C-alpha atoms as a PDB file:
ATOM      1  CA  MET A   1      11.379  -5.004  -0.569  1.00  0.00           C
ATOM      2  CA  THR A   2      12.606  -2.065  -2.564  1.00  0.00           C
ATOM      3  CA  THR A   3      15.542  -0.055  -1.266  1.00  0.00           C
ATOM      4  CA  VAL A   4      15.977   3.524  -2.453  1.00  0.00           C
ATOM      5  CA  TYR A   5      19.077   5.698  -2.442  1.00  0.00           C
ATOM      6  CA  GLY A   6      19.585   9.366  -3.165  1.00  0.00           C
ATOM      7  CA  PRO A   7      20.709  12.712  -1.803  1.00  0.00           C
ATOM      8  CA  GLY A   8      17.517  13.180   0.241  1.00  0.00           C
ATOM      9  CA  VAL A   9      17.449   9.642   1.645  1.00  0.00           C
ATOM     10  CA  GLU A  10      19.501   8.082   4.425  1.00  0.00           C
ATOM     11  CA  PRO A  11      23.108   7.413   3.279  1.00  0.00           C
ATOM     12  CA  GLY A  12      22.745   3.626   3.643  1.00  0.00           C
ATOM     13  CA  GLY A  13      19.467   3.569   1.736  1.00  0.00           C
ATOM     14  CA  MET A  14      15.921   3.119   2.983  1.00  0.00           C
ATOM     15  CA  GLU A  15      13.554   0.193   2.513  1.00  0.00           C
ATOM     16  CA  LEU A  16      10.105   1.167   1.268  1.00  0.00           C
ATOM     17  CA  ASP A  17       7.075  -0.231   3.096  1.00  0.00           C
ATOM     18  CA  ASN A  18       5.007  -2.924   1.389  1.00  0.00           C
ATOM     19  CA  GLU A  19       2.572  -4.610   3.784  1.00  0.00           C
ATOM     20  CA  THR A  20      -0.608  -6.622   3.285  1.00  0.00           C
ATOM     21  CA  LEU A  21      -2.999  -7.307   6.159  1.00  0.00           C
ATOM     22  CA  ILE A  22      -6.010  -9.616   6.236  1.00  0.00           C
ATOM     23  CA  ASP A  23      -8.910  -8.459   8.429  1.00  0.00           C
ATOM     24  CA  ALA A  24     -12.710  -8.286   8.461  1.00  0.00           C
ATOM     25  CA  CYS A  25     -14.341  -6.247   5.685  1.00  0.00           C
ATOM     26  CA  LYS A  26     -15.745  -2.890   6.805  1.00  0.00           C
ATOM     27  CA  GLU A  27     -18.522  -3.157   4.174  1.00  0.00           C
ATOM     28  CA  CYS A  28     -19.911  -6.715   4.512  1.00  0.00           C
ATOM     29  CA  GLY A  29     -18.182  -8.081   7.612  1.00  0.00           C
ATOM     30  CA  GLY A  30     -16.600 -10.922   5.591  1.00  0.00           C
ATOM     31  CA  PRO A  31     -13.605 -12.508   7.344  1.00  0.00           C
ATOM     32  CA  ILE A  32     -11.051 -12.161   4.529  1.00  0.00           C
ATOM     33  CA  CYS A  33     -10.461  -8.609   3.303  1.00  0.00           C
ATOM     34  CA  GLN A  34      -7.067  -7.529   1.972  1.00  0.00           C
ATOM     35  CA  TYR A  35      -5.703  -4.193   3.194  1.00  0.00           C
ATOM     36  CA  ARG A  36      -2.462  -3.171   1.480  1.00  0.00           C
ATOM     37  CA  PHE A  37      -0.145  -0.294   2.435  1.00  0.00           C
ATOM     38  CA  TRP A  38       2.970   0.564   0.419  1.00  0.00           C
ATOM     39  CA  GLU A  39       5.371   3.355  -0.477  1.00  0.00           C
ATOM     40  CA  THR A  40       6.733   4.504  -3.847  1.00  0.00           C
ATOM     41  CA  LEU A  41       9.566   6.798  -4.824  1.00  0.00           C
ATOM     42  CA  ASP A  42       8.138   9.372  -7.246  1.00  0.00           C
ATOM     43  CA  GLY A  43      10.291  12.256  -8.464  1.00  0.00           C
ATOM     44  CA  GLY A  44      12.464  12.149  -5.358  1.00  0.00           C
ATOM     45  CA  CYS A  45       9.504  12.005  -2.926  1.00  0.00           C
ATOM     46  CA  ILE A  46       8.446   8.965  -0.928  1.00  0.00           C
ATOM     47  CA  ASN A  47       4.666   8.599  -1.137  1.00  0.00           C
ATOM     48  CA  ARG A  48       2.395   6.317   0.921  1.00  0.00           C
ATOM     49  CA  HIS A  49      -0.458   4.432  -0.768  1.00  0.00           C
ATOM     50  CA  TRP A  50      -3.263   2.120   0.351  1.00  0.00           C
ATOM     51  CA  SER A  51      -5.848  -0.206  -1.163  1.00  0.00           C
ATOM     52  CA  VAL A  52      -8.674  -2.450   0.054  1.00  0.00           C
ATOM     53  CA  TYR A  53     -10.157  -5.499  -1.662  1.00  0.00           C
ATOM     54  CA  CYS A  54     -12.828  -7.901  -0.353  1.00  0.00           C
ATOM     55  CA  PRO A  55     -13.356 -11.136  -2.343  1.00  0.00           C
ATOM     56  CA  ASP A  56     -16.666 -11.807  -0.526  1.00  0.00           C
ATOM     57  CA  CYS A  57     -18.584  -8.682  -1.569  1.00  0.00           C
ATOM     58  CA  GLY A  58     -16.247  -7.329  -4.279  1.00  0.00           C
ATOM     59  CA  PHE A  59     -15.632  -4.050  -2.440  1.00  0.00           C
ATOM     60  CA  GLU A  60     -12.566  -2.184  -3.758  1.00  0.00           C
ATOM     61  CA  ASP A  61     -11.107   1.158  -2.746  1.00  0.00           C
ATOM     62  CA  SER A  62      -7.725   2.871  -2.881  1.00  0.00           C
ATOM     63  CA  ASP A  63      -6.072   6.234  -2.573  1.00  0.00           C
ATOM     64  CA  PRO A  64      -6.491   8.355  -5.730  1.00  0.00           C
ATOM     65  CA  TYR A  65      -2.820   8.018  -6.707  1.00  0.00           C
ATOM     66  CA  ALA A  66      -2.471   4.244  -6.289  1.00  0.00           C
ATOM     67  CA  ASP A  67      -2.040   1.945  -9.258  1.00  0.00           C
ATOM     68  CA  PRO A  68      -5.313   0.230 -10.242  1.00  0.00           C
ATOM     69  CA  LEU A  69      -6.091  -2.881  -8.198  1.00  0.00           C
END
C-alpha cells in the first residue's frame, strides 16, 4: 500500500486504496474476471481509478485516466 502525506491529507498520512476483486464477467459470464480499483495522488488530489480484464473473452475496460492495462 502507498501512504501519502501533505498539507491537505490527514496529519498521520493516508493509505491509498488498491483492491483487486475476482467475479463473473459482465460480457461473457466467464467465472474469472479481474476488477481493480485504486487511488493515485496527482498534483495534490487523490483520484479513484478502475479497470476490468477478462482472460476468457479478452474484454478490457478502464476509466479514461487509468494507466493502460
